[in-house]
Protein backbone atom coordinates (compact mmCIF):
# COMPACT_ATOMS: atom_id res chain seq x y z
CA MET A 1 -23.19 -124.31 108.77
CA SER A 2 -26.04 -121.88 108.73
CA GLU A 3 -24.87 -118.05 109.34
CA LEU A 4 -28.29 -117.25 110.96
CA ILE A 5 -27.75 -119.68 113.92
CA LYS A 6 -24.72 -118.83 116.19
CA ASP A 7 -25.91 -119.07 119.80
CA PRO A 8 -25.96 -122.83 120.48
CA VAL A 9 -22.96 -124.13 122.50
CA VAL A 10 -21.94 -127.84 122.66
CA LEU A 11 -20.55 -128.66 126.01
CA PHE A 12 -19.70 -132.21 125.49
CA GLU A 13 -19.50 -134.28 122.54
CA ASP A 14 -18.19 -137.89 121.71
CA ASN A 15 -19.10 -140.63 119.05
CA HIS A 16 -22.31 -141.49 121.07
CA LEU A 17 -23.66 -138.39 122.90
CA ILE A 18 -24.01 -134.47 122.61
CA VAL A 19 -24.71 -132.12 125.14
CA ALA A 20 -25.44 -128.58 123.86
CA VAL A 21 -27.12 -125.06 125.55
CA LYS A 22 -30.13 -124.37 123.77
CA PRO A 23 -30.78 -120.67 123.30
CA ALA A 24 -33.96 -119.15 124.57
CA ASN A 25 -36.44 -118.68 121.44
CA MET A 26 -34.88 -121.20 119.65
CA LEU A 27 -36.89 -124.32 118.29
CA VAL A 28 -35.80 -127.63 119.34
CA GLN A 29 -36.90 -129.22 116.21
CA GLY A 30 -38.30 -127.61 113.00
CA ASP A 31 -41.85 -126.78 112.54
CA GLN A 32 -44.22 -125.03 110.12
CA THR A 33 -42.59 -121.69 110.80
CA GLY A 34 -39.44 -122.77 108.96
CA ASP A 35 -37.41 -121.02 111.69
CA GLY A 36 -33.79 -122.17 112.74
CA ASP A 37 -33.95 -125.26 115.08
CA LEU A 38 -31.20 -126.84 117.32
CA LEU A 39 -31.45 -130.60 116.02
CA THR A 40 -30.80 -129.06 112.25
CA TRP A 41 -27.98 -126.82 113.66
CA LEU A 42 -26.53 -130.01 115.35
CA LYS A 43 -26.75 -132.10 112.33
CA GLU A 44 -24.73 -129.56 110.15
CA TYR A 45 -22.49 -128.97 112.94
CA VAL A 46 -21.60 -132.78 113.13
CA LYS A 47 -21.59 -132.95 109.30
CA GLU A 48 -19.05 -130.13 108.97
CA LYS A 49 -17.14 -130.78 111.78
CA TYR A 50 -16.30 -134.58 110.95
CA ASN A 51 -16.53 -134.26 107.20
CA LYS A 52 -19.50 -136.70 107.07
CA PRO A 53 -21.35 -137.56 103.89
CA GLY A 54 -25.13 -137.53 103.57
CA GLU A 55 -27.27 -136.42 106.87
CA ALA A 56 -25.65 -137.01 110.10
CA PHE A 57 -27.73 -138.77 112.75
CA ILE A 58 -28.85 -136.77 115.76
CA GLY A 59 -31.31 -138.46 118.17
CA LEU A 60 -33.86 -136.19 119.84
CA VAL A 61 -34.51 -137.72 123.16
CA HIS A 62 -36.18 -134.75 125.31
CA ARG A 63 -37.62 -131.46 124.54
CA MET A 64 -37.82 -127.86 125.83
CA ASP A 65 -40.35 -125.14 125.24
CA ARG A 66 -39.21 -122.75 122.59
CA PRO A 67 -39.04 -119.43 124.65
CA VAL A 68 -37.03 -121.68 127.23
CA GLY A 69 -33.16 -121.70 127.09
CA GLY A 70 -30.76 -124.62 128.75
CA LEU A 71 -29.21 -127.83 128.74
CA LEU A 72 -30.45 -130.71 126.23
CA ALA A 73 -28.67 -133.98 125.61
CA PHE A 74 -28.71 -135.79 122.03
CA ALA A 75 -27.85 -139.08 120.79
CA ARG A 76 -25.37 -139.76 118.17
CA THR A 77 -26.36 -143.15 117.51
CA SER A 78 -29.56 -145.21 117.69
CA LYS A 79 -28.34 -147.31 120.45
CA ALA A 80 -27.23 -144.34 122.45
CA ALA A 81 -31.05 -142.93 121.83
CA ALA A 82 -32.77 -145.92 122.93
CA ARG A 83 -30.73 -145.96 126.29
CA LEU A 84 -30.85 -142.12 126.92
CA SER A 85 -34.93 -142.94 126.33
CA GLU A 86 -34.97 -145.50 128.94
CA GLN A 87 -33.28 -143.29 131.24
CA ILE A 88 -35.79 -140.74 131.04
CA ARG A 89 -38.41 -143.23 131.31
CA VAL A 90 -37.02 -144.32 134.91
CA HIS A 91 -35.93 -140.87 135.91
CA ASP A 92 -32.42 -141.46 135.79
CA LEU A 93 -31.78 -138.58 133.29
CA CYS A 94 -32.38 -135.76 135.51
CA ARG A 95 -33.34 -132.23 134.22
CA GLU A 96 -33.42 -129.32 136.62
CA TYR A 97 -34.59 -125.91 136.16
CA VAL A 98 -34.32 -122.42 137.42
CA CYS A 99 -36.92 -119.86 137.54
CA VAL A 100 -38.17 -116.63 138.82
CA CYS A 101 -42.14 -116.78 139.70
CA GLN A 102 -44.47 -114.30 140.92
CA GLY A 103 -45.15 -113.81 144.79
CA GLU A 104 -43.46 -116.15 147.57
CA ALA A 105 -43.38 -119.48 146.54
CA PRO A 106 -43.01 -122.15 149.53
CA ASP A 107 -39.47 -123.40 150.74
CA ARG A 108 -40.27 -126.55 149.46
CA PHE A 109 -43.03 -127.99 147.43
CA THR A 110 -44.45 -130.79 145.00
CA LEU A 111 -46.87 -130.19 142.18
CA HIS A 112 -48.96 -133.37 140.97
CA ASP A 113 -51.68 -132.23 138.29
CA TRP A 114 -53.05 -133.66 135.11
CA LEU A 115 -52.50 -131.86 132.01
CA GLN A 116 -54.34 -131.71 128.88
CA LYS A 117 -53.05 -129.87 125.71
CA ASP A 118 -55.25 -128.33 123.09
CA GLU A 119 -53.47 -128.73 120.01
CA ALA A 120 -55.46 -126.20 117.84
CA THR A 121 -54.26 -123.26 120.50
CA ASN A 122 -51.09 -124.83 121.79
CA MET A 123 -52.27 -123.98 125.07
CA VAL A 124 -52.09 -126.41 127.92
CA LYS A 125 -54.33 -126.78 130.90
CA VAL A 126 -54.77 -128.36 134.60
CA LEU A 127 -57.94 -130.66 134.45
CA PRO A 128 -59.90 -131.01 137.77
CA PRO A 129 -59.45 -134.49 139.49
CA TYR A 130 -62.63 -135.93 138.28
CA LEU A 131 -61.06 -135.50 134.75
CA LYS A 132 -57.83 -136.77 135.08
CA LEU A 133 -58.08 -139.90 132.84
CA GLN A 134 -58.48 -137.44 130.04
CA GLY A 135 -55.05 -135.81 130.57
CA LYS A 136 -51.56 -136.66 131.17
CA GLU A 137 -49.97 -136.78 134.87
CA ALA A 138 -47.50 -134.24 135.57
CA ILE A 139 -45.09 -133.92 138.48
CA LEU A 140 -42.52 -131.48 139.42
CA HIS A 141 -40.53 -130.97 142.80
CA GLY A 142 -39.41 -127.37 143.67
CA ARG A 143 -37.36 -125.43 146.30
CA CYS A 144 -37.34 -121.64 146.77
CA ILE A 145 -34.04 -120.34 147.07
CA VAL A 146 -35.10 -116.55 148.08
CA HIS A 147 -37.87 -114.06 148.13
CA ARG A 148 -36.97 -110.59 146.71
CA ASN A 149 -39.26 -107.85 145.60
CA GLY A 150 -42.27 -109.70 145.27
CA TYR A 151 -40.63 -112.76 143.18
CA SER A 152 -39.05 -116.01 144.10
CA LEU A 153 -35.94 -117.60 142.69
CA CYS A 154 -36.98 -121.38 142.69
CA CYS A 155 -35.43 -124.49 141.42
CA ILE A 156 -37.46 -127.21 139.73
CA ARG A 157 -36.93 -130.96 139.41
CA LEU A 158 -39.03 -132.62 136.60
CA GLU A 159 -40.31 -136.03 137.39
CA THR A 160 -42.34 -135.99 134.10
CA GLY A 161 -41.70 -134.17 130.94
CA ARG A 162 -45.08 -132.72 129.63
CA ALA A 163 -45.53 -129.70 127.14
CA HIS A 164 -45.32 -126.17 129.11
CA GLN A 165 -45.32 -128.33 132.22
CA ILE A 166 -43.61 -126.01 134.67
CA ARG A 167 -45.17 -123.07 133.38
CA VAL A 168 -48.77 -124.55 133.54
CA GLN A 169 -48.21 -125.77 137.01
CA MET A 170 -46.43 -122.86 138.38
CA GLN A 171 -49.35 -120.73 137.10
CA HIS A 172 -52.08 -123.07 138.62
CA ALA A 173 -50.40 -122.94 141.84
CA GLY A 174 -50.62 -119.08 142.01
CA PHE A 175 -46.84 -118.40 140.92
CA PRO A 176 -46.66 -117.67 137.11
CA LEU A 177 -43.56 -117.28 135.77
CA TRP A 178 -41.90 -114.02 135.14
CA GLY A 179 -42.01 -112.98 131.54
CA ASP A 180 -44.51 -115.84 130.34
CA ALA A 181 -46.72 -113.94 128.12
CA ARG A 182 -48.75 -117.21 127.58
CA TYR A 183 -49.58 -118.41 130.99
CA GLY A 184 -48.95 -115.31 133.13
CA ASN A 185 -48.90 -111.50 132.54
CA GLY A 186 -45.60 -111.08 130.97
CA LYS A 187 -45.17 -108.10 128.92
CA ARG A 188 -43.98 -107.59 125.44
CA GLY A 189 -40.27 -108.00 125.00
CA GLN A 190 -39.87 -109.77 128.18
CA GLN A 191 -37.91 -113.11 127.92
CA ILE A 192 -39.49 -115.86 130.23
CA ALA A 193 -37.59 -116.55 133.22
CA LEU A 194 -37.30 -120.37 133.13
CA TRP A 195 -33.87 -121.79 132.16
CA GLY A 196 -32.51 -125.46 132.00
CA MET A 197 -29.52 -125.03 134.39
CA ARG A 198 -28.52 -128.66 135.13
CA LEU A 199 -28.57 -132.07 133.63
CA SER A 200 -27.73 -135.58 134.96
CA LEU A 201 -27.38 -138.53 133.21
CA LYS A 202 -25.45 -141.72 132.66
CA HIS A 203 -23.32 -141.98 129.53
CA PRO A 204 -25.40 -144.43 126.97
CA ILE A 205 -22.26 -146.60 126.45
CA THR A 206 -19.78 -146.25 129.47
CA GLY A 207 -22.46 -145.90 132.17
CA GLU A 208 -20.48 -143.11 133.69
CA ARG A 209 -22.89 -140.49 135.82
CA MET A 210 -22.32 -136.99 134.02
CA LEU A 211 -23.24 -133.83 135.46
CA PHE A 212 -23.68 -130.39 133.05
CA ILE A 213 -24.34 -126.82 134.69
CA ALA A 214 -25.07 -124.02 132.58
CA PRO A 215 -26.19 -120.78 134.36
CA PRO A 216 -28.58 -118.32 132.52
CA SER A 217 -27.66 -115.24 130.92
CA GLU A 218 -26.84 -112.13 132.76
CA THR A 219 -29.94 -110.27 131.80
CA ALA A 220 -33.28 -109.36 133.82
CA PRO A 221 -34.72 -110.82 136.04
CA TRP A 222 -31.66 -112.98 136.68
CA THR A 223 -29.42 -110.04 137.71
CA ALA A 224 -31.69 -109.78 140.64
CA PHE A 225 -30.03 -112.66 142.05
CA PRO A 226 -26.42 -112.79 141.28
CA ARG A 227 -25.32 -114.41 144.53
CA GLU A 228 -27.79 -117.17 144.58
CA LEU A 229 -27.08 -117.93 141.36
CA ASP A 230 -23.49 -118.40 141.80
CA GLY A 231 -24.06 -120.39 144.89
CA LEU A 232 -26.28 -122.77 143.26
CA GLU A 233 -23.64 -123.93 140.95
CA ASN A 234 -21.87 -125.52 143.82
CA THR A 235 -24.48 -125.94 146.49
CA TRP A 236 -27.41 -127.40 144.19
CA PRO A 237 -27.19 -131.00 145.21
CA GLN A 238 -27.01 -130.20 149.03
CA ILE A 239 -29.59 -127.54 149.43
CA VAL A 240 -32.24 -127.94 146.62
CA PHE A 241 -33.93 -131.48 146.82
CA GLU A 242 -31.92 -133.81 149.42
């Protein structure tokens, strides 16, 4: 296994499924930069752990922006990949994030926009309603947990999974994410405050409902909300979206 990449954590694995925590600033899949990525790391991890000949199969079923860290599910067989992809299509694989944004976000909110990505600049924008057919529908649901010092700690549930979706929609709504230099006013050296904290899915073979929780690191700005983040690990299903 590469000595350069030590941060990913595997929370669950069997012959069909792997759930891992992606570190912030790590690619999910390799690109032209040649930087280390989680998909390659997992292939090496499986190959070495189980002494598999050749390249191990790891199916990529959903993604996460490079600056963002948190929970991701991967398939270990093509059958599992197809079933997890179907769960995403019918919203049975649930991805929930925690973020810190500027301003006082509403207690509960739903953002419904149409997004368009400029491949040349890798930037995403919200289209006006009359141009929506040129974009992709994007829906998220949110709940503000607390306001503090001009910022809000929010939980976000994705209904769709578009590139840069949470970052763009929150900025468009007037609540840019802390540390987001691309869509907000994040400063050099700041880490975007967006983290994939909860992942719920059905096991692709047994059908068992599984829930995984991974809180963000104890760094700024998360350290401003220690009590609330601790509470979310136990109370999220009751207070956030139901």
